[in-house]
């Protein structure tokens, strides 16, 4: 068994391993983002376990800057089904912990390490992973709820709301590449650096997967999808505090859901949900995935 860092040319082997070893399918674009597009990419934290010419285990780690300091996180851990219960996950964890300890990172997390993740934390259905982490001293420090939307039940048109908003001087439209500087500045001022990164990802998609609400030419709200999480994962979204209560969040959500349905998706997932009632009321969304945040 050989443990080493990944070469960029080995991405296809990682994709094959994920298809065989993960609970659900990960779109190539989502995995490519996870592998290549890290905000502060550190190839030394991309670990691969090989048995001969076969990739049998992988771990993608990363670093994040927080107000309290820099921390490390694990964004993906996967072992080939036929190689489980042989200590491979433990071997990968031991190595990433050694590397992060050598880099003087005070904390290692599974979850709550956005942006650029597939799941907000450890899916509660992955019992062996939770047991392994608890055995190694990781403790739960929160959770995230995702919600599921059946895209087939509606066309998700916000036309009526948009007519009302247009009469009050509002424009809701798909973002354009030229919006990048203004959007990044506004999101940084109102929300977070993580959301700046995610909004930037949306503007690089084809077609662009972000929508904006503007008044007097100024951005006052945004929503995007397919920027962190799996394919057809909605979020982040936000509206200027002074403009809340006008229905902008509803229209931005519906624009994104309609976009996903138009490309043929039958299901959407709303990631890392805050206002459950908002999504339940507008999109008949139901609680789906539950993830724990764990750290040591």
Protein backbone atom coordinates (compact mmCIF):
# COMPACT_ATOMS: atom_id res chain seq x y z
CA UNK A 1 0.00 0.00 0.00
CA UNK A 2 1.41 3.40 -1.01
CA UNK A 3 0.27 6.62 0.68
CA UNK A 4 1.21 9.82 -1.16
CA UNK A 5 -0.19 13.08 -2.43
CA UNK A 6 -2.30 13.26 -5.57
CA UNK A 7 -1.01 14.36 -8.93
CA UNK A 8 -3.42 16.61 -10.82
CA UNK A 9 -3.41 14.10 -13.66
CA UNK A 10 -5.00 11.51 -11.34
CA UNK A 11 -8.34 13.28 -11.10
CA UNK A 12 -10.10 10.64 -13.21
CA UNK A 13 -9.02 7.93 -10.76
CA UNK A 14 -10.52 9.98 -7.91
CA UNK A 15 -13.76 10.35 -9.85
CA UNK A 16 -13.95 6.57 -10.37
CA UNK A 17 -13.28 5.95 -6.66
CA UNK A 18 -16.03 8.37 -5.64
CA UNK A 19 -18.49 6.74 -8.02
CA UNK A 20 -17.77 3.38 -6.41
CA UNK A 21 -17.39 4.44 -2.79
CA UNK A 22 -19.80 7.27 -2.02
CA UNK A 23 -23.43 6.99 -1.04
CA UNK A 24 -24.61 9.10 -3.96
CA UNK A 25 -23.35 10.22 -7.33
CA UNK A 26 -21.08 13.25 -7.41
CA UNK A 27 -21.15 15.18 -10.68
CA UNK A 28 -17.72 15.52 -12.30
CA UNK A 29 -17.97 19.32 -12.17
CA UNK A 30 -18.65 19.28 -8.42
CA UNK A 31 -15.70 16.99 -7.75
CA UNK A 32 -13.47 18.99 -10.08
CA UNK A 33 -14.32 22.12 -8.10
CA UNK A 34 -13.53 20.31 -4.85
CA UNK A 35 -10.18 19.07 -6.19
CA UNK A 36 -8.87 21.99 -8.28
CA UNK A 37 -10.68 25.15 -7.17
CA UNK A 38 -9.82 25.39 -3.47
CA UNK A 39 -9.70 29.02 -2.26
CA UNK A 40 -6.26 28.31 -0.71
CA UNK A 41 -5.29 25.10 -2.43
CA UNK A 42 -2.68 23.05 -0.62
CA UNK A 43 -1.76 19.94 -2.65
CA UNK A 44 0.02 18.41 0.36
CA UNK A 45 -3.42 17.94 1.92
CA UNK A 46 -4.70 15.88 -1.03
CA UNK A 47 -3.87 12.32 0.01
CA UNK A 48 -4.14 9.14 -2.06
CA UNK A 49 -3.80 5.48 -1.08
CA UNK A 50 -2.81 3.16 -3.89
CA UNK A 51 -2.70 -0.61 -4.04
CA UNK A 52 -0.64 -1.21 -7.12
CA UNK A 53 -2.32 0.74 -9.91
CA UNK A 54 -5.66 0.95 -8.08
CA UNK A 55 -6.70 4.02 -6.08
CA UNK A 56 -8.34 2.57 -2.96
CA UNK A 57 -8.60 5.57 -0.64
CA UNK A 58 -8.57 9.36 -0.81
CA UNK A 59 -8.74 12.34 1.52
CA UNK A 60 -9.02 15.99 0.48
CA UNK A 61 -8.14 18.45 3.19
CA UNK A 62 -7.95 22.20 3.28
CA UNK A 63 -7.28 25.25 5.38
CA UNK A 64 -9.68 28.02 6.29
CA UNK A 65 -9.14 31.43 7.84
CA UNK A 66 -11.61 32.36 10.53
CA UNK A 67 -11.79 35.37 12.86
CA UNK A 68 -10.44 33.16 15.64
CA UNK A 69 -7.50 32.01 13.49
CA UNK A 70 -6.57 29.44 10.86
CA UNK A 71 -7.96 25.89 11.03
CA UNK A 72 -7.82 22.69 9.01
CA UNK A 73 -10.65 20.68 7.59
CA UNK A 74 -11.42 17.43 5.80
CA UNK A 75 -13.68 17.97 2.78
CA UNK A 76 -13.74 14.42 1.43
CA UNK A 77 -12.83 10.98 2.79
CA UNK A 78 -13.62 7.92 0.71
CA UNK A 79 -12.44 4.27 0.68
CA UNK A 80 -13.15 1.66 -1.98
CA UNK A 81 -15.98 -0.65 -0.83
CA UNK A 82 -13.88 -3.81 -1.14
CA UNK A 83 -11.14 -2.29 1.05
CA UNK A 84 -13.20 -1.21 4.04
CA UNK A 85 -12.58 -2.40 7.61
CA UNK A 86 -8.87 -2.67 6.86
CA UNK A 87 -7.75 0.57 8.49
CA UNK A 88 -7.42 2.68 5.34
CA UNK A 89 -9.59 5.53 6.62
CA UNK A 90 -7.60 5.54 9.86
CA UNK A 91 -4.35 5.66 7.89
CA UNK A 92 -5.55 8.65 5.88
CA UNK A 93 -6.83 10.46 8.98
CA UNK A 94 -3.59 9.83 10.85
CA UNK A 95 -1.57 11.35 8.02
CA UNK A 96 -3.71 14.47 7.59
CA UNK A 97 -3.68 15.02 11.35
CA UNK A 98 0.10 14.72 11.34
CA UNK A 99 0.42 17.23 8.50
CA UNK A 100 -1.95 19.73 10.07
CA UNK A 101 -0.30 19.39 13.47
CA UNK A 102 3.08 20.06 11.83
CA UNK A 103 1.54 23.20 10.27
CA UNK A 104 0.42 24.27 13.77
CA UNK A 105 -3.27 24.25 12.95
CA UNK A 106 -5.10 24.29 16.28
CA UNK A 107 -8.26 22.56 15.09
CA UNK A 108 -9.31 19.98 12.50
CA UNK A 109 -12.92 19.93 11.34
CA UNK A 110 -15.30 17.69 9.48
CA UNK A 111 -17.97 20.18 8.44
CA UNK A 112 -18.55 23.89 8.83
CA UNK A 113 -15.56 24.55 6.56
CA UNK A 114 -17.25 26.31 3.67
CA UNK A 115 -16.82 27.29 0.97
CA UNK A 116 -16.10 24.40 -1.40
CA UNK A 117 -17.67 21.31 0.11
CA UNK A 118 -19.97 18.51 -1.03
CA UNK A 119 -21.83 18.18 2.26
CA UNK A 120 -22.00 20.69 5.13
CA UNK A 121 -20.67 18.03 7.54
CA UNK A 122 -20.83 14.30 8.22
CA UNK A 123 -24.09 12.83 6.94
CA UNK A 124 -25.84 11.10 9.86
CA UNK A 125 -26.49 8.09 7.63
CA UNK A 126 -22.72 7.48 7.47
CA UNK A 127 -22.63 5.71 10.83
CA UNK A 128 -19.17 4.12 10.38
CA UNK A 129 -17.64 7.54 9.68
CA UNK A 130 -19.20 9.05 12.80
CA UNK A 131 -18.05 6.11 14.92
CA UNK A 132 -14.50 6.40 13.56
CA UNK A 133 -14.35 10.12 14.25
CA UNK A 134 -15.70 9.73 17.79
CA UNK A 135 -13.13 7.00 18.44
CA UNK A 136 -10.38 9.40 17.38
CA UNK A 137 -11.59 12.14 19.70
CA UNK A 138 -13.70 14.27 17.37
CA UNK A 139 -16.70 15.88 19.03
CA UNK A 140 -19.89 17.28 17.62
CA UNK A 141 -20.20 21.08 17.70
CA UNK A 142 -23.33 21.71 15.65
CA UNK A 143 -25.37 20.50 12.72
CA UNK A 144 -26.72 21.56 9.36
CA UNK A 145 -30.05 20.72 7.79
CA UNK A 146 -30.53 20.45 4.05
CA UNK A 147 -33.98 20.49 2.46
CA UNK A 148 -35.27 18.66 -0.60
CA UNK A 149 -37.44 20.18 -3.33
CA UNK A 150 -39.43 18.24 -5.93
CA UNK A 151 -38.88 20.33 -9.05
CA UNK A 152 -41.59 18.49 -11.00
CA UNK A 153 -44.51 19.96 -9.01
CA UNK A 154 -44.29 23.48 -10.50
CA UNK A 155 -42.69 25.53 -13.25
CA UNK A 156 -41.48 27.90 -10.46
CA UNK A 157 -42.29 31.00 -12.47
CA UNK A 158 -41.95 34.23 -10.45
CA UNK A 159 -43.61 36.31 -13.20
CA UNK A 160 -46.41 37.75 -11.04
CA UNK A 161 -43.99 38.83 -8.31
CA UNK A 162 -41.59 40.32 -10.85
CA UNK A 163 -44.33 42.47 -12.39
CA UNK A 164 -45.12 43.84 -8.94
CA UNK A 165 -41.45 44.49 -8.17
CA UNK A 166 -40.83 46.09 -11.58
CA UNK A 167 -43.59 48.60 -10.86
CA UNK A 168 -41.63 49.61 -7.76
CA UNK A 169 -38.41 50.06 -9.70
CA UNK A 170 -36.82 46.64 -9.12
CA UNK A 171 -35.04 44.49 -11.69
CA UNK A 172 -34.37 40.78 -11.20
CA UNK A 173 -32.08 39.19 -13.78
CA UNK A 174 -29.38 36.64 -14.37
CA UNK A 175 -25.95 37.88 -13.34
CA UNK A 176 -23.38 38.77 -16.00
CA UNK A 177 -19.57 38.60 -15.96
CA UNK A 178 -19.40 42.39 -15.70
CA UNK A 179 -21.26 42.19 -12.37
CA UNK A 180 -18.30 40.46 -10.71
CA UNK A 181 -16.64 43.49 -9.00
CA UNK A 182 -19.88 45.01 -7.68
CA UNK A 183 -21.27 41.65 -6.56
CA UNK A 184 -18.08 40.66 -4.75
CA UNK A 185 -17.86 44.03 -2.98
CA UNK A 186 -21.51 43.94 -1.90
CA UNK A 187 -21.42 40.32 -0.69
CA UNK A 188 -18.19 40.98 1.23
CA UNK A 189 -19.74 44.00 2.95
CA UNK A 190 -23.08 42.37 3.78
CA UNK A 191 -22.22 38.70 4.29
CA UNK A 192 -18.88 36.84 4.25
CA UNK A 193 -15.71 36.03 2.33
CA UNK A 194 -16.96 32.46 1.86
CA UNK A 195 -20.02 33.75 0.04
CA UNK A 196 -17.82 35.97 -2.13
CA UNK A 197 -16.00 32.85 -3.31
CA UNK A 198 -19.28 31.02 -3.95
CA UNK A 199 -20.79 33.94 -5.87
CA UNK A 200 -17.64 34.09 -7.98
CA UNK A 201 -18.02 30.40 -8.80
CA UNK A 202 -21.58 31.03 -9.99
CA UNK A 203 -20.37 33.73 -12.40
CA UNK A 204 -17.92 31.25 -13.93
CA UNK A 205 -20.61 28.65 -14.64
CA UNK A 206 -22.07 28.09 -18.10
CA UNK A 207 -24.77 29.31 -18.01
CA UNK A 208 -24.16 31.62 -15.06
CA UNK A 209 -25.95 30.17 -12.02
CA UNK A 210 -26.62 33.41 -10.13
CA UNK A 211 -29.48 35.88 -10.16
CA UNK A 212 -29.49 39.46 -8.89
CA UNK A 213 -32.08 41.90 -7.55
CA UNK A 214 -31.23 45.53 -8.35
CA UNK A 215 -32.72 48.91 -7.53
CA UNK A 216 -31.41 52.10 -9.13
CA UNK A 217 -28.69 49.94 -10.69
CA UNK A 218 -27.37 48.78 -7.30
CA UNK A 219 -27.28 45.14 -6.23
CA UNK A 220 -29.57 44.58 -3.26
CA UNK A 221 -30.03 40.81 -3.38
CA UNK A 222 -28.56 37.67 -4.94
CA UNK A 223 -29.02 33.90 -5.13
CA UNK A 224 -27.01 31.15 -6.75
CA UNK A 225 -26.76 27.38 -7.07
CA UNK A 226 -24.23 24.66 -7.92
CA UNK A 227 -21.39 26.47 -6.14
CA UNK A 228 -20.94 24.32 -3.01
CA UNK A 229 -22.62 21.00 -2.41
CA UNK A 230 -23.80 18.51 -4.98
CA UNK A 231 -25.39 19.30 -8.35
CA UNK A 232 -28.67 21.20 -8.05
CA UNK A 233 -27.82 22.51 -4.60
CA UNK A 234 -29.33 25.97 -3.96
CA UNK A 235 -27.48 28.65 -2.05
CA UNK A 236 -26.15 30.92 -0.85
CA UNK A 237 -28.72 33.69 -1.07
CA UNK A 238 -29.09 37.01 0.65
CA UNK A 239 -30.99 40.31 0.53
CA UNK A 240 -29.94 43.71 1.82
CA UNK A 241 -31.48 44.18 5.30
CA UNK A 242 -33.18 47.39 4.20
CA UNK A 243 -34.95 45.57 1.35
CA UNK A 244 -36.24 42.54 3.21
CA UNK A 245 -39.94 41.90 3.34
CA UNK A 246 -40.53 42.87 -0.31
CA UNK A 247 -40.48 39.34 -1.67
CA UNK A 248 -37.04 39.55 -3.28
CA UNK A 249 -35.81 36.37 -1.61
CA UNK A 250 -38.83 34.50 -2.93
CA UNK A 251 -38.27 35.69 -6.51
CA UNK A 252 -34.56 34.90 -6.43
CA UNK A 253 -35.27 31.39 -5.11
CA UNK A 254 -37.91 30.77 -7.78
CA UNK A 255 -35.57 31.98 -10.52
CA UNK A 256 -32.96 29.42 -9.45
CA UNK A 257 -35.46 26.57 -9.11
CA UNK A 258 -36.92 27.36 -12.53
CA UNK A 259 -33.42 27.36 -14.01
CA UNK A 260 -32.64 23.93 -12.57
CA UNK A 261 -35.95 22.51 -13.78
CA UNK A 262 -35.39 23.96 -17.27
CA UNK A 263 -32.12 22.07 -17.63
CA UNK A 264 -33.92 18.83 -16.80
CA UNK A 265 -33.37 18.40 -13.06
CA UNK A 266 -36.19 16.75 -11.12
CA UNK A 267 -34.82 17.44 -7.64
CA UNK A 268 -33.05 20.27 -5.86
CA UNK A 269 -31.36 20.39 -2.49
CA UNK A 270 -31.26 23.55 -0.40
CA UNK A 271 -27.97 23.51 1.46
CA UNK A 272 -27.22 24.45 5.06
CA UNK A 273 -30.70 25.85 5.66
CA UNK A 274 -31.47 28.64 8.11
CA UNK A 275 -35.15 29.64 7.67
CA UNK A 276 -36.95 26.30 7.40
CA UNK A 277 -40.42 27.85 7.22
CA UNK A 278 -39.43 30.12 4.31
CA UNK A 279 -38.46 27.21 2.08
CA UNK A 280 -41.28 24.98 3.27
CA UNK A 281 -43.87 27.64 2.44
CA UNK A 282 -42.50 28.78 -0.92
CA UNK A 283 -41.12 25.55 -2.35
CA UNK A 284 -42.84 22.78 -0.34
CA UNK A 285 -39.32 21.83 0.75
CA UNK A 286 -38.85 19.07 3.31
CA UNK A 287 -35.96 18.36 5.64
CA UNK A 288 -33.69 15.82 3.99
CA UNK A 289 -30.01 15.46 4.75
CA UNK A 290 -28.82 16.12 8.31
CA UNK A 291 -25.09 16.61 8.88
CA UNK A 292 -23.07 16.95 12.05
CA UNK A 293 -20.14 19.32 12.42
CA UNK A 294 -17.28 17.49 14.17
CA UNK A 295 -13.85 18.68 15.33
CA UNK A 296 -10.86 17.89 17.51
